[in-house]
Amino acid sequence: MKTRLAISILVLLAGCGPHYTIPDTETDDIGKVISSGRSPQGCIDNLHEDAQNLKVKVKLVDVKHEPAHGPIAWIYSNSYTCTGKVVKTHAQK
């Protein structure tokens, strides 16, 4: 029971938000990486961390602020969304 409570609290504090990829239509490789964070810098840091986990390099394209919906949604939601375009190095081309 204590474990479930601890996990629930951790999920609420960690926040939920988009962390996904969009494929490149021509090559079917990863084209864009989408991440989120509680602040603009946190969002950018998460984007670079996600890119590193995917073993790609990204160039920041967009940072958007999306307001939380509901009276206590700000507690568990990440309100910034970052988009990074995958940059191919000379070795990948």
Protein backbone atom coordinates (compact mmCIF):
# COMPACT_ATOMS: atom_id res chain seq x y z
CA MET A 1 0.00 0.00 0.00
CA LYS A 2 2.83 2.41 0.85
CA THR A 3 4.50 1.57 -2.45
CA ARG A 4 1.40 2.53 -4.43
CA LEU A 5 1.11 5.80 -2.54
CA ALA A 6 4.78 6.59 -3.17
CA ILE A 7 4.44 5.81 -6.87
CA SER A 8 1.30 7.96 -7.13
CA ILE A 9 3.04 10.91 -5.50
CA LEU A 10 6.08 10.46 -7.72
CA VAL A 11 3.93 10.46 -10.87
CA LEU A 12 2.14 13.61 -9.76
CA LEU A 13 5.39 15.41 -8.99
CA ALA A 14 7.17 14.21 -12.11
CA GLY A 15 4.41 15.51 -14.32
CA CYS A 16 2.94 14.26 -17.51
CA GLY A 17 3.47 15.63 -20.94
CA PRO A 18 4.46 14.85 -24.45
CA HIS A 19 7.72 13.05 -25.06
CA TYR A 20 7.53 11.53 -28.51
CA THR A 21 9.02 11.52 -31.99
CA ILE A 22 7.69 12.33 -35.44
CA PRO A 23 9.13 10.33 -38.36
CA ASP A 24 10.67 11.93 -41.44
CA THR A 25 8.27 11.24 -44.32
CA GLU A 26 11.04 10.59 -46.85
CA THR A 27 13.40 8.35 -44.89
CA ASP A 28 11.15 6.96 -42.12
CA ASP A 29 13.90 7.88 -39.61
CA ILE A 30 13.22 10.17 -36.66
CA GLY A 31 12.50 13.65 -38.03
CA LYS A 32 11.46 15.58 -34.92
CA VAL A 33 11.63 15.06 -31.17
CA ILE A 34 8.93 16.57 -28.93
CA SER A 35 9.54 17.07 -25.19
CA SER A 36 8.00 19.03 -22.35
CA GLY A 37 9.02 20.77 -19.14
CA ARG A 38 7.85 23.04 -16.36
CA SER A 39 10.00 25.95 -17.60
CA PRO A 40 11.48 26.92 -20.97
CA GLN A 41 14.97 25.86 -19.86
CA GLY A 42 13.64 22.62 -18.33
CA CYS A 43 11.88 21.87 -21.59
CA ILE A 44 15.07 22.45 -23.59
CA ASP A 45 17.07 20.29 -21.19
CA ASN A 46 14.49 17.48 -21.52
CA LEU A 47 14.62 17.81 -25.32
CA HIS A 48 18.39 17.35 -25.36
CA GLU A 49 18.17 14.46 -22.89
CA ASP A 50 15.50 12.74 -25.01
CA ALA A 51 17.63 13.26 -28.13
CA GLN A 52 20.66 11.81 -26.38
CA ASN A 53 18.62 8.74 -25.34
CA LEU A 54 17.52 8.33 -28.98
CA LYS A 55 21.14 8.81 -30.14
CA VAL A 56 20.33 11.76 -32.42
CA LYS A 57 21.27 15.43 -32.47
CA VAL A 58 18.52 18.03 -32.55
CA LYS A 59 18.21 21.71 -33.36
CA LEU A 60 15.60 23.56 -31.30
CA VAL A 61 12.76 24.68 -33.58
CA ASP A 62 9.97 25.80 -31.26
CA VAL A 63 9.08 26.36 -27.59
CA LYS A 64 5.39 26.78 -26.76
CA HIS A 65 3.65 27.59 -23.50
CA GLU A 66 0.41 25.70 -23.04
CA PRO A 67 -1.66 26.74 -20.03
CA ALA A 68 -2.88 24.04 -17.66
CA HIS A 69 -6.58 23.22 -17.67
CA GLY A 70 -8.37 22.83 -14.36
CA PRO A 71 -7.87 24.28 -10.89
CA ILE A 72 -4.97 22.04 -9.79
CA ALA A 73 -3.63 20.88 -13.14
CA TRP A 74 -0.53 23.08 -12.77
CA ILE A 75 0.67 20.74 -10.03
CA TYR A 76 1.19 17.76 -12.30
CA SER A 77 1.43 19.15 -15.82
CA ASN A 78 4.36 20.42 -17.82
CA SER A 79 3.25 23.62 -19.48
CA TYR A 80 6.07 24.09 -22.00
CA THR A 81 6.45 21.98 -25.13
CA CYS A 82 9.67 21.97 -27.19
CA THR A 83 10.17 20.73 -30.72
CA GLY A 84 13.58 19.79 -32.04
CA LYS A 85 14.41 18.89 -35.63
CA VAL A 86 16.88 16.03 -36.04
CA VAL A 87 20.13 17.26 -37.57
CA LYS A 88 22.06 14.79 -39.67
CA THR A 89 25.84 14.88 -39.40
CA HIS A 90 28.16 14.26 -42.35
CA ALA A 91 28.73 10.67 -41.15
CA GLN A 92 24.95 9.97 -41.26
CA LYS A 93 24.42 11.28 -44.82
